[in-house]
Amino acid sequence: MKVKKQHRKKKYLHKLNRKRMHLKQKSTGDVKCQVIKEAWNHKKSSYRNLREMGLANDPNKAIKIPNFKQEQLRIAKQIVKNGESDTEEEEETVKRVPPKIRVAETLEKVAKAPRERKFMLPKGQVEYITYLLDKYGHDYKAMARDKKNYYQETWKQIRSKIKTFMGIPKQYGEYLKSRGLLDKEESEEALKEQAKALVMDDSD
């Protein structure tokens, strides 16, 4: 006797957008880099696009790991041929300049350009440093003897932390404003110069 399969009744789900789901599954993603996006040709494959831009599709092929066996064979061939190199090998070493090499050059310039510092100290550490500054000013040796110095840090370690805090204009600027040490809003460069001046006054 044939067993009859029970099929679940299909329901129309109003919360799902089938068209959007299909397009999302079909999509291969969007190129976020504007330089590559402008030079990208959708009629060509990703490998060919990247090769024309002077970029590597596979880093393992672009930067080959030296093979000991192949290196020894190459040296042996040179010894046999009395140091004469093959013309075929010389032809292989001559590389063609990619037509869209400007893309790789632009990306190199962007990578080498100086970046904005986004480093910020944790909230707990800022509270601890501001507490020490309020209580002792710049007397680092007195800070080392404070009861809240749980990790038994030396005065030089505490000083380096305070210097780091003073080197972050956003956090140090907020501290100065909250204590009424700034009459008007100053730029980040001005805060940096002020922090350097205060640090220079401290003796080792």
N, C-alpha and C. Protein backbone atom coordinates (compact mmCIF):
# COMPACT_ATOMS: atom_id res chain seq x y z
N MET A 1 0.85 -1.19 0.00
CA MET A 1 0.00 0.00 0.00
C MET A 1 0.89 1.25 0.00
N LYS A 2 0.60 2.16 -0.88
CA LYS A 2 1.40 3.38 -1.02
C LYS A 2 1.03 4.37 0.09
N VAL A 3 2.06 4.86 0.76
CA VAL A 3 1.84 5.83 1.84
C VAL A 3 1.61 7.21 1.23
N LYS A 4 0.54 7.81 1.63
CA LYS A 4 0.20 9.14 1.12
C LYS A 4 0.95 10.21 1.92
N LYS A 5 1.67 11.05 1.22
CA LYS A 5 2.43 12.12 1.88
C LYS A 5 1.50 13.26 2.27
N GLN A 6 1.75 13.75 3.43
CA GLN A 6 0.98 14.89 3.92
C GLN A 6 1.74 16.18 3.63
N HIS A 7 1.17 17.03 2.84
CA HIS A 7 1.79 18.31 2.48
C HIS A 7 1.23 19.42 3.36
N ARG A 8 2.15 20.23 3.84
CA ARG A 8 1.72 21.35 4.66
C ARG A 8 1.06 22.41 3.79
N LYS A 9 -0.02 22.92 4.29
CA LYS A 9 -0.75 23.93 3.53
C LYS A 9 0.08 25.21 3.43
N LYS A 10 0.27 25.69 2.23
CA LYS A 10 1.05 26.90 2.02
C LYS A 10 0.25 28.13 2.43
N LYS A 11 0.93 29.01 3.17
CA LYS A 11 0.30 30.23 3.63
C LYS A 11 1.02 31.43 3.03
N TYR A 12 0.29 32.45 2.71
CA TYR A 12 0.89 33.68 2.20
C TYR A 12 1.31 34.54 3.39
N LEU A 13 2.60 34.81 3.47
CA LEU A 13 3.12 35.62 4.56
C LEU A 13 3.23 37.07 4.11
N HIS A 14 2.45 37.92 4.74
CA HIS A 14 2.40 39.32 4.35
C HIS A 14 3.66 40.09 4.76
N LYS A 15 4.33 39.60 5.81
CA LYS A 15 5.50 40.32 6.31
C LYS A 15 6.75 40.14 5.44
N LEU A 16 6.73 39.15 4.52
CA LEU A 16 7.89 38.89 3.66
C LEU A 16 7.71 39.53 2.29
N ASN A 17 8.78 40.18 1.84
CA ASN A 17 8.80 40.77 0.51
C ASN A 17 9.63 39.84 -0.38
N ARG A 18 8.97 38.99 -1.14
CA ARG A 18 9.65 37.96 -1.94
C ARG A 18 10.55 38.57 -3.01
N LYS A 19 10.12 39.67 -3.58
CA LYS A 19 10.91 40.32 -4.62
C LYS A 19 12.23 40.83 -4.04
N ARG A 20 12.16 41.46 -2.86
CA ARG A 20 13.36 41.96 -2.21
C ARG A 20 14.29 40.81 -1.80
N MET A 21 13.71 39.72 -1.31
CA MET A 21 14.51 38.55 -0.91
C MET A 21 15.23 37.95 -2.11
N HIS A 22 14.54 37.88 -3.25
CA HIS A 22 15.15 37.32 -4.47
C HIS A 22 16.31 38.18 -4.95
N LEU A 23 16.11 39.51 -4.92
CA LEU A 23 17.17 40.42 -5.36
C LEU A 23 18.37 40.37 -4.42
N LYS A 24 18.12 40.20 -3.13
CA LYS A 24 19.19 40.10 -2.14
C LYS A 24 20.02 38.83 -2.35
N GLN A 25 19.34 37.71 -2.65
CA GLN A 25 20.05 36.45 -2.89
C GLN A 25 20.83 36.47 -4.20
N LYS A 26 20.26 37.16 -5.19
CA LYS A 26 20.88 37.23 -6.51
C LYS A 26 22.07 38.18 -6.53
N SER A 27 22.04 39.21 -5.65
CA SER A 27 23.07 40.24 -5.64
C SER A 27 24.43 39.67 -5.23
N THR A 28 25.46 40.14 -5.87
CA THR A 28 26.84 39.71 -5.55
C THR A 28 27.54 40.73 -4.65
N GLY A 29 26.79 41.73 -4.21
CA GLY A 29 27.38 42.74 -3.33
C GLY A 29 27.77 44.00 -4.08
N ASP A 30 27.96 45.06 -3.34
CA ASP A 30 28.30 46.36 -3.92
C ASP A 30 29.75 46.69 -3.60
N VAL A 31 30.45 47.26 -4.57
CA VAL A 31 31.85 47.66 -4.37
C VAL A 31 31.85 48.96 -3.57
N LYS A 32 32.43 48.93 -2.36
CA LYS A 32 32.40 50.09 -1.48
C LYS A 32 33.47 51.12 -1.83
N CYS A 33 34.59 50.66 -2.38
CA CYS A 33 35.67 51.58 -2.75
C CYS A 33 35.27 52.37 -4.00
N GLN A 34 35.22 53.70 -3.89
CA GLN A 34 34.75 54.55 -4.98
C GLN A 34 35.68 54.50 -6.20
N VAL A 35 36.98 54.40 -5.97
CA VAL A 35 37.96 54.38 -7.08
C VAL A 35 37.78 53.11 -7.92
N ILE A 36 37.63 51.96 -7.25
CA ILE A 36 37.43 50.69 -7.96
C ILE A 36 36.06 50.68 -8.64
N LYS A 37 35.06 51.25 -7.96
CA LYS A 37 33.69 51.26 -8.49
C LYS A 37 33.60 52.02 -9.81
N GLU A 38 34.33 53.14 -9.89
CA GLU A 38 34.31 53.95 -11.12
C GLU A 38 35.00 53.23 -12.28
N ALA A 39 36.06 52.47 -11.99
CA ALA A 39 36.81 51.79 -13.05
C ALA A 39 36.26 50.39 -13.38
N TRP A 40 35.30 49.91 -12.60
CA TRP A 40 34.77 48.55 -12.76
C TRP A 40 33.94 48.43 -14.03
N ASN A 41 34.19 47.35 -14.77
CA ASN A 41 33.41 47.04 -15.98
C ASN A 41 32.57 45.80 -15.70
N HIS A 42 31.25 45.96 -15.67
CA HIS A 42 30.34 44.86 -15.31
C HIS A 42 30.26 43.78 -16.38
N LYS A 43 30.76 44.08 -17.57
CA LYS A 43 30.73 43.08 -18.64
C LYS A 43 31.89 42.09 -18.53
N LYS A 44 32.88 42.44 -17.70
CA LYS A 44 34.05 41.58 -17.52
C LYS A 44 33.99 40.88 -16.16
N SER A 45 34.75 39.80 -16.04
CA SER A 45 34.79 39.05 -14.77
C SER A 45 35.58 39.83 -13.72
N SER A 46 35.40 39.44 -12.47
CA SER A 46 36.09 40.12 -11.37
C SER A 46 37.60 39.94 -11.49
N TYR A 47 38.05 38.75 -11.95
CA TYR A 47 39.48 38.48 -12.10
C TYR A 47 40.09 39.42 -13.15
N ARG A 48 39.39 39.58 -14.26
CA ARG A 48 39.91 40.42 -15.34
C ARG A 48 39.89 41.90 -14.94
N ASN A 49 38.83 42.31 -14.24
CA ASN A 49 38.74 43.70 -13.78
C ASN A 49 39.91 44.05 -12.87
N LEU A 50 40.17 43.19 -11.90
CA LEU A 50 41.25 43.44 -10.94
C LEU A 50 42.62 43.40 -11.61
N ARG A 51 42.80 42.49 -12.57
CA ARG A 51 44.08 42.39 -13.29
C ARG A 51 44.35 43.65 -14.09
N GLU A 52 43.31 44.21 -14.72
CA GLU A 52 43.47 45.44 -15.50
C GLU A 52 43.77 46.65 -14.62
N MET A 53 43.33 46.58 -13.37
CA MET A 53 43.59 47.68 -12.43
C MET A 53 44.95 47.55 -11.74
N GLY A 54 45.64 46.43 -11.97
CA GLY A 54 46.93 46.21 -11.32
C GLY A 54 46.79 45.66 -9.91
N LEU A 55 45.63 45.06 -9.62
CA LEU A 55 45.36 44.48 -8.30
C LEU A 55 45.37 42.96 -8.38
N ALA A 56 45.55 42.32 -7.25
CA ALA A 56 45.63 40.85 -7.20
C ALA A 56 44.29 40.27 -6.78
N ASN A 57 43.84 39.26 -7.51
CA ASN A 57 42.61 38.55 -7.15
C ASN A 57 42.90 37.50 -6.08
N ASP A 58 44.06 36.85 -6.18
CA ASP A 58 44.48 35.83 -5.23
C ASP A 58 45.87 36.19 -4.70
N PRO A 59 45.99 36.54 -3.42
CA PRO A 59 47.31 36.93 -2.89
C PRO A 59 48.33 35.80 -2.91
N ASN A 60 47.87 34.55 -2.86
CA ASN A 60 48.79 33.40 -2.91
C ASN A 60 49.50 33.29 -4.26
N LYS A 61 48.82 33.73 -5.32
CA LYS A 61 49.43 33.70 -6.65
C LYS A 61 50.27 34.95 -6.89
N ALA A 62 49.83 36.07 -6.33
CA ALA A 62 50.55 37.33 -6.52
C ALA A 62 51.89 37.33 -5.80
N ILE A 63 51.90 36.85 -4.56
CA ILE A 63 53.14 36.77 -3.77
C ILE A 63 53.43 35.29 -3.54
N LYS A 64 54.20 34.72 -4.42
CA LYS A 64 54.47 33.28 -4.36
C LYS A 64 55.50 32.97 -3.28
N ILE A 65 55.25 31.88 -2.55
CA ILE A 65 56.20 31.41 -1.54
C ILE A 65 57.32 30.67 -2.27
N PRO A 66 58.58 31.03 -2.03
CA PRO A 66 59.68 30.38 -2.75
C PRO A 66 59.73 28.88 -2.49
N ASN A 67 59.84 28.13 -3.59
CA ASN A 67 59.90 26.67 -3.51
C ASN A 67 61.37 26.24 -3.55
N PHE A 68 61.80 25.52 -2.54
CA PHE A 68 63.21 25.13 -2.43
C PHE A 68 63.62 24.22 -3.59
N LYS A 69 62.76 23.29 -3.95
CA LYS A 69 63.08 22.33 -5.02
C LYS A 69 63.24 23.05 -6.37
N GLN A 70 62.31 23.95 -6.68
CA GLN A 70 62.37 24.70 -7.95
C GLN A 70 63.60 25.62 -8.00
N GLU A 71 63.93 26.19 -6.86
CA GLU A 71 65.10 27.07 -6.78
C GLU A 71 66.39 26.29 -7.04
N GLN A 72 66.46 25.08 -6.48
CA GLN A 72 67.63 24.23 -6.68
C GLN A 72 67.74 23.78 -8.14
N LEU A 73 66.60 23.49 -8.77
CA LEU A 73 66.59 23.09 -10.19
C LEU A 73 67.06 24.24 -11.08
N ARG A 74 66.62 25.46 -10.74
CA ARG A 74 67.03 26.63 -11.52
C ARG A 74 68.54 26.85 -11.43
N ILE A 75 69.10 26.69 -10.22
CA ILE A 75 70.54 26.85 -10.01
C ILE A 75 71.32 25.76 -10.77
N ALA A 76 70.77 24.54 -10.74
CA ALA A 76 71.41 23.41 -11.44
C ALA A 76 71.43 23.63 -12.95
N LYS A 77 70.33 24.19 -13.51
CA LYS A 77 70.26 24.47 -14.95
C LYS A 77 71.28 25.52 -15.35
N GLN A 78 71.43 26.55 -14.49
CA GLN A 78 72.41 27.60 -14.76
C GLN A 78 73.83 27.06 -14.75
N ILE A 79 74.11 26.13 -13.85
CA ILE A 79 75.45 25.51 -13.76
C ILE A 79 75.73 24.69 -15.02
N VAL A 80 74.70 23.94 -15.46
CA VAL A 80 74.84 23.10 -16.66
C VAL A 80 75.08 23.96 -17.90
N LYS A 81 74.35 25.11 -18.00
CA LYS A 81 74.45 25.98 -19.18
C LYS A 81 75.52 27.05 -19.01
N ASN A 82 76.38 26.90 -18.01
CA ASN A 82 77.49 27.83 -17.73
C ASN A 82 77.00 29.27 -17.48
N GLY A 83 75.96 29.37 -16.69
CA GLY A 83 75.47 30.70 -16.26
C GLY A 83 74.63 31.42 -17.28
N GLU A 84 74.29 30.78 -18.42
CA GLU A 84 73.46 31.42 -19.44
C GLU A 84 71.99 31.27 -19.06
N SER A 85 71.26 32.37 -19.04
CA SER A 85 69.83 32.33 -18.69
C SER A 85 69.00 32.14 -19.95
N ASP A 86 67.87 31.47 -19.81
CA ASP A 86 66.99 31.21 -20.95
C ASP A 86 66.27 32.49 -21.37
N THR A 87 66.06 32.60 -22.66
CA THR A 87 65.35 33.78 -23.19
C THR A 87 63.88 33.74 -22.79
N GLU A 88 63.35 32.51 -22.63
CA GLU A 88 61.94 32.36 -22.25
C GLU A 88 61.70 32.90 -20.83
N GLU A 89 62.65 32.62 -19.93
CA GLU A 89 62.53 33.11 -18.56
C GLU A 89 62.61 34.63 -18.51
N GLU A 90 63.45 35.21 -19.38
CA GLU A 90 63.58 36.67 -19.44
C GLU A 90 62.30 37.30 -19.94
N GLU A 91 61.65 36.64 -20.92
CA GLU A 91 60.39 37.15 -21.45
C GLU A 91 59.29 37.12 -20.39
N GLU A 92 59.30 36.08 -19.57
CA GLU A 92 58.30 35.95 -18.51
C GLU A 92 58.45 37.04 -17.44
N THR A 93 59.71 37.43 -17.20
CA THR A 93 59.96 38.45 -16.16
C THR A 93 59.48 39.83 -16.60
N VAL A 94 59.40 40.07 -17.94
CA VAL A 94 58.91 41.36 -18.45
C VAL A 94 57.40 41.41 -18.24
N LYS A 95 56.96 42.32 -17.41
CA LYS A 95 55.53 42.42 -17.09
C LYS A 95 54.91 43.56 -17.87
N ARG A 96 53.69 43.31 -18.32
CA ARG A 96 52.95 44.34 -19.03
C ARG A 96 52.32 45.30 -18.03
N VAL A 97 52.28 46.57 -18.39
CA VAL A 97 51.67 47.59 -17.53
C VAL A 97 50.15 47.50 -17.71
N PRO A 98 49.40 47.29 -16.63
CA PRO A 98 47.93 47.20 -16.74
C PRO A 98 47.34 48.49 -17.28
N PRO A 99 46.26 48.43 -18.07
CA PRO A 99 45.68 49.65 -18.65
C PRO A 99 45.09 50.61 -17.62
N LYS A 100 44.63 50.06 -16.48
CA LYS A 100 44.03 50.90 -15.42
C LYS A 100 44.92 50.92 -14.18
N ILE A 101 46.22 51.09 -14.40
CA ILE A 101 47.20 51.08 -13.29
C ILE A 101 46.99 52.25 -12.32
N ARG A 102 46.31 53.31 -12.80
CA ARG A 102 46.06 54.48 -11.95
C ARG A 102 45.23 54.12 -10.71
N VAL A 103 44.41 53.05 -10.82
CA VAL A 103 43.58 52.62 -9.68
C VAL A 103 44.48 52.13 -8.54
N ALA A 104 45.46 51.28 -8.89
CA ALA A 104 46.40 50.75 -7.89
C ALA A 104 47.24 51.88 -7.29
N GLU A 105 47.66 52.82 -8.13
CA GLU A 105 48.47 53.96 -7.65
C GLU A 105 47.67 54.86 -6.70
N THR A 106 46.38 55.07 -7.03
CA THR A 106 45.51 55.89 -6.17
C THR A 106 45.30 55.21 -4.82
N LEU A 107 45.09 53.90 -4.83
CA LEU A 107 44.89 53.14 -3.59
C LEU A 107 46.14 53.15 -2.72
N GLU A 108 47.31 53.12 -3.36
CA GLU A 108 48.59 53.20 -2.62
C GLU A 108 48.73 54.56 -1.94
N LYS A 109 48.35 55.63 -2.65
CA LYS A 109 48.43 56.98 -2.07
C LYS A 109 47.49 57.12 -0.88
N VAL A 110 46.29 56.56 -1.01
CA VAL A 110 45.30 56.62 0.08
C VAL A 110 45.79 55.83 1.29
N ALA A 111 46.41 54.68 1.03
CA ALA A 111 46.92 53.84 2.13
C ALA A 111 48.08 54.51 2.87
N LYS A 112 48.91 55.27 2.14
CA LYS A 112 50.07 55.93 2.75
C LYS A 112 49.72 57.27 3.40
N ALA A 113 48.54 57.79 3.11
CA ALA A 113 48.13 59.10 3.65
C ALA A 113 47.94 59.01 5.16
N PRO A 114 48.30 60.07 5.90
CA PRO A 114 48.12 60.05 7.38
C PRO A 114 46.66 59.98 7.76
N ARG A 115 46.36 59.20 8.80
CA ARG A 115 44.99 59.01 9.23
C ARG A 115 44.71 59.77 10.52
N GLU A 116 43.43 60.10 10.69
CA GLU A 116 43.00 60.80 11.90
C GLU A 116 43.02 59.84 13.09
N ARG A 117 43.56 60.29 14.20
CA ARG A 117 43.67 59.43 15.38
C ARG A 117 42.30 59.31 16.05
N LYS A 118 41.83 58.07 16.19
CA LYS A 118 40.52 57.82 16.80
C LYS A 118 40.64 57.09 18.14
N PHE A 119 41.85 57.07 18.68
CA PHE A 119 42.07 56.37 19.95
C PHE A 119 41.42 57.15 21.09
N MET A 120 40.68 56.44 21.94
CA MET A 120 40.03 57.05 23.11
C MET A 120 40.26 56.15 24.32
N LEU A 121 40.47 56.76 25.47
CA LEU A 121 40.66 56.01 26.71
C LEU A 121 39.30 55.55 27.25
N PRO A 122 39.27 54.40 27.95
CA PRO A 122 38.00 53.94 28.54
C PRO A 122 37.48 54.92 29.59
N LYS A 123 36.17 54.86 29.83
CA LYS A 123 35.52 55.79 30.75
C LYS A 123 36.09 55.68 32.18
N GLY A 124 36.31 54.44 32.64
CA GLY A 124 36.84 54.22 33.99
C GLY A 124 38.23 54.81 34.17
N GLN A 125 39.06 54.67 33.14
CA GLN A 125 40.42 55.20 33.21
C GLN A 125 40.42 56.72 33.20
N VAL A 126 39.50 57.31 32.43
CA VAL A 126 39.39 58.77 32.38
C VAL A 126 38.96 59.31 33.74
N GLU A 127 38.01 58.63 34.37
CA GLU A 127 37.55 59.05 35.71
C GLU A 127 38.69 58.99 36.73
N TYR A 128 39.50 57.93 36.64
CA TYR A 128 40.64 57.77 37.56
C TYR A 128 41.69 58.87 37.35
N ILE A 129 42.00 59.17 36.09
CA ILE A 129 43.01 60.20 35.76
C ILE A 129 42.52 61.58 36.19
N THR A 130 41.25 61.87 35.89
CA THR A 130 40.71 63.19 36.26
C THR A 130 40.65 63.37 37.79
N TYR A 131 40.38 62.26 38.48
CA TYR A 131 40.38 62.30 39.96
C TYR A 131 41.77 62.66 40.48
N LEU A 132 42.80 62.05 39.89
CA LEU A 132 44.18 62.32 40.31
C LEU A 132 44.59 63.75 39.99
N LEU A 133 44.20 64.22 38.79
CA LEU A 133 44.54 65.60 38.39
C LEU A 133 43.86 66.62 39.29
N ASP A 134 42.59 66.36 39.64
CA ASP A 134 41.86 67.28 40.51
C ASP A 134 42.47 67.34 41.91
N LYS A 135 42.91 66.19 42.41
CA LYS A 135 43.40 66.11 43.78
C LYS A 135 44.85 66.56 43.94
N TYR A 136 45.71 66.16 42.97
CA TYR A 136 47.15 66.40 43.12
C TYR A 136 47.75 67.35 42.09
N GLY A 137 46.96 67.76 41.09
CA GLY A 137 47.53 68.60 40.03
C GLY A 137 48.51 67.80 39.19
N HIS A 138 49.81 68.18 39.21
CA HIS A 138 50.82 67.43 38.47
C HIS A 138 51.90 66.87 39.40
N ASP A 139 51.50 66.58 40.62
CA ASP A 139 52.41 65.95 41.59
C ASP A 139 52.27 64.43 41.45
N TYR A 140 53.06 63.86 40.53
CA TYR A 140 52.91 62.43 40.20
C TYR A 140 53.36 61.51 41.33
N LYS A 141 54.32 61.93 42.11
CA LYS A 141 54.81 61.09 43.21
C LYS A 141 53.75 60.96 44.32
N ALA A 142 52.96 62.02 44.50
CA ALA A 142 51.85 61.95 45.45
C ALA A 142 50.74 61.05 44.91
N MET A 143 50.55 61.05 43.59
CA MET A 143 49.54 60.19 42.95
C MET A 143 49.85 58.72 43.17
N ALA A 144 51.14 58.37 43.12
CA ALA A 144 51.55 56.97 43.31
C ALA A 144 51.23 56.47 44.71
N ARG A 145 51.13 57.38 45.68
CA ARG A 145 50.82 56.99 47.07
C ARG A 145 49.33 57.03 47.38
N ASP A 146 48.51 57.37 46.38
CA ASP A 146 47.07 57.49 46.61
C ASP A 146 46.45 56.12 46.88
N LYS A 147 45.39 56.09 47.69
CA LYS A 147 44.73 54.83 48.07
C LYS A 147 44.00 54.17 46.89
N LYS A 148 43.68 54.96 45.85
CA LYS A 148 42.99 54.40 44.67
C LYS A 148 43.96 53.81 43.65
N ASN A 149 45.23 53.87 43.92
CA ASN A 149 46.24 53.26 43.05
C ASN A 149 46.32 51.76 43.36
N TYR A 150 45.26 51.04 42.95
CA TYR A 150 45.11 49.62 43.31
C TYR A 150 46.19 48.75 42.67
N TYR A 151 46.64 49.12 41.48
CA TYR A 151 47.62 48.30 40.76
C TYR A 151 49.06 48.66 41.09
N GLN A 152 49.25 49.51 42.10
CA GLN A 152 50.58 49.89 42.58
C GLN A 152 51.48 50.39 41.44
N GLU A 153 50.92 51.28 40.64
CA GLU A 153 51.68 51.84 39.52
C GLU A 153 52.68 52.87 40.04
N THR A 154 53.81 52.93 39.40
CA THR A 154 54.84 53.91 39.77
C THR A 154 54.42 55.29 39.27
N TRP A 155 55.09 56.34 39.78
CA TRP A 155 54.72 57.70 39.37
C TRP A 155 54.99 57.94 37.89
N LYS A 156 55.98 57.23 37.34
CA LYS A 156 56.28 57.37 35.90
C LYS A 156 55.19 56.72 35.04
N GLN A 157 54.65 55.60 35.51
CA GLN A 157 53.56 54.94 34.78
C GLN A 157 52.30 55.81 34.79
N ILE A 158 52.03 56.41 35.95
CA ILE A 158 50.86 57.31 36.06
C ILE A 158 51.06 58.53 35.16
N ARG A 159 52.28 59.06 35.15
CA ARG A 159 52.58 60.22 34.31
C ARG A 159 52.37 59.91 32.83
N SER A 160 52.79 58.72 32.40
CA SER A 160 52.62 58.35 30.99
C SER A 160 51.13 58.23 30.63
N LYS A 161 50.31 57.75 31.58
CA LYS A 161 48.87 57.67 31.34
C LYS A 161 48.25 59.05 31.21
N ILE A 162 48.70 59.96 32.08
CA ILE A 162 48.19 61.34 32.03
C ILE A 162 48.63 62.03 30.74
N LYS A 163 49.84 61.76 30.28
CA LYS A 163 50.32 62.32 29.01
C LYS A 163 49.48 61.82 27.84
N THR A 164 49.12 60.53 27.89
CA THR A 164 48.26 59.96 26.85
C THR A 164 46.89 60.64 26.87
N PHE A 165 46.36 60.84 28.06
CA PHE A 165 45.05 61.51 28.22
C PHE A 165 45.10 62.93 27.69
N MET A 166 46.20 63.63 27.98
CA MET A 166 46.36 65.01 27.52
C MET A 166 46.59 65.10 26.01
N GLY A 167 47.02 64.00 25.42
CA GLY A 167 47.24 63.98 23.97
C GLY A 167 45.98 63.68 23.17
N ILE A 168 44.84 63.43 23.83
CA ILE A 168 43.56 63.21 23.15
C ILE A 168 42.72 64.48 23.29
N PRO A 169 42.68 65.32 22.27
CA PRO A 169 42.02 66.63 22.38
C PRO A 169 40.55 66.57 22.79
N LYS A 170 39.83 65.57 22.31
CA LYS A 170 38.39 65.50 22.60
C LYS A 170 38.14 65.29 24.09
N GLN A 171 38.81 64.27 24.67
CA GLN A 171 38.60 63.96 26.08
C GLN A 171 39.22 65.01 26.99
N TYR A 172 40.43 65.45 26.67
CA TYR A 172 41.12 66.44 27.49
C TYR A 172 40.41 67.80 27.41
N GLY A 173 39.87 68.11 26.24
CA GLY A 173 39.12 69.37 26.06
C GLY A 173 37.85 69.38 26.90
N GLU A 174 37.15 68.24 26.94
CA GLU A 174 35.94 68.13 27.77
C GLU A 174 36.28 68.31 29.25
N TYR A 175 37.41 67.74 29.65
CA TYR A 175 37.85 67.86 31.05
C TYR A 175 38.13 69.32 31.41
N LEU A 176 38.85 70.03 30.52
CA LEU A 176 39.18 71.44 30.76
C LEU A 176 37.93 72.31 30.81
N LYS A 177 36.97 72.02 29.91
CA LYS A 177 35.74 72.81 29.87
C LYS A 177 34.90 72.58 31.12
N SER A 178 34.84 71.31 31.56
CA SER A 178 34.04 70.99 32.76
C SER A 178 34.63 71.63 34.02
N ARG A 179 35.94 71.84 34.04
CA ARG A 179 36.59 72.46 35.20
C ARG A 179 36.69 73.99 35.07
N GLY A 180 36.18 74.52 33.97
CA GLY A 180 36.20 75.97 33.75
C GLY A 180 37.57 76.51 33.42
N LEU A 181 38.45 75.64 32.88
CA LEU A 181 39.80 76.07 32.54
C LEU A 181 39.89 76.65 31.13
N LEU A 182 38.80 76.53 30.38
CA LEU A 182 38.74 77.10 29.03
C LEU A 182 37.62 78.12 29.00
N ASP A 183 37.94 79.35 28.66
CA ASP A 183 36.92 80.40 28.57
C ASP A 183 36.13 80.30 27.27
N LYS A 184 36.80 79.83 26.23
CA LYS A 184 36.13 79.69 24.93
C LYS A 184 36.58 78.39 24.29
N GLU A 185 35.79 77.95 23.32
CA GLU A 185 36.10 76.70 22.63
C GLU A 185 37.33 76.88 21.76
N GLU A 186 38.27 75.96 21.93
CA GLU A 186 39.51 76.01 21.16
C GLU A 186 39.57 74.83 20.20
N SER A 187 40.35 74.99 19.15
CA SER A 187 40.51 73.93 18.17
C SER A 187 41.35 72.80 18.74
N GLU A 188 41.35 71.65 18.05
CA GLU A 188 42.12 70.49 18.48
C GLU A 188 43.61 70.79 18.49
N GLU A 189 44.06 71.57 17.51
CA GLU A 189 45.49 71.93 17.44
C GLU A 189 45.90 72.76 18.66
N ALA A 190 45.03 73.67 19.07
CA ALA A 190 45.32 74.51 20.23
C ALA A 190 45.39 73.69 21.51
N LEU A 191 44.49 72.71 21.62
CA LEU A 191 44.49 71.82 22.79
C LEU A 191 45.76 70.96 22.82
N LYS A 192 46.20 70.52 21.64
CA LYS A 192 47.43 69.72 21.56
C LYS A 192 48.64 70.53 22.01
N GLU A 193 48.70 71.77 21.55
CA GLU A 193 49.81 72.65 21.92
C GLU A 193 49.81 72.92 23.43
N GLN A 194 48.61 73.09 23.98
CA GLN A 194 48.49 73.33 25.42
C GLN A 194 48.94 72.11 26.22
N ALA A 195 48.55 70.91 25.73
CA ALA A 195 48.93 69.67 26.39
C ALA A 195 50.44 69.48 26.35
N LYS A 196 51.05 69.79 25.20
CA LYS A 196 52.52 69.66 25.07
C LYS A 196 53.24 70.61 26.02
N ALA A 197 52.70 71.83 26.13
CA ALA A 197 53.32 72.82 27.01
C ALA A 197 53.27 72.37 28.47
N LEU A 198 52.14 71.78 28.88
CA LEU A 198 52.01 71.30 30.25
C LEU A 198 52.94 70.12 30.52
N VAL A 199 53.08 69.25 29.52
CA VAL A 199 53.95 68.08 29.67
C VAL A 199 55.42 68.50 29.75
N MET A 200 55.81 69.50 28.96
CA MET A 200 57.18 69.97 28.95
C MET A 200 57.60 70.57 30.30
N ASP A 201 56.61 71.09 31.03
CA ASP A 201 56.91 71.68 32.34
C ASP A 201 57.28 70.65 33.39
N ASP A 202 56.82 69.37 33.17
CA ASP A 202 57.08 68.32 34.16
C ASP A 202 58.53 67.86 34.07
N SER A 203 59.13 67.69 35.21
CA SER A 203 60.53 67.22 35.25
C SER A 203 60.58 65.72 35.44
N ASP A 204 61.59 65.07 34.87
CA ASP A 204 61.74 63.63 35.03
C ASP A 204 62.23 63.30 36.44
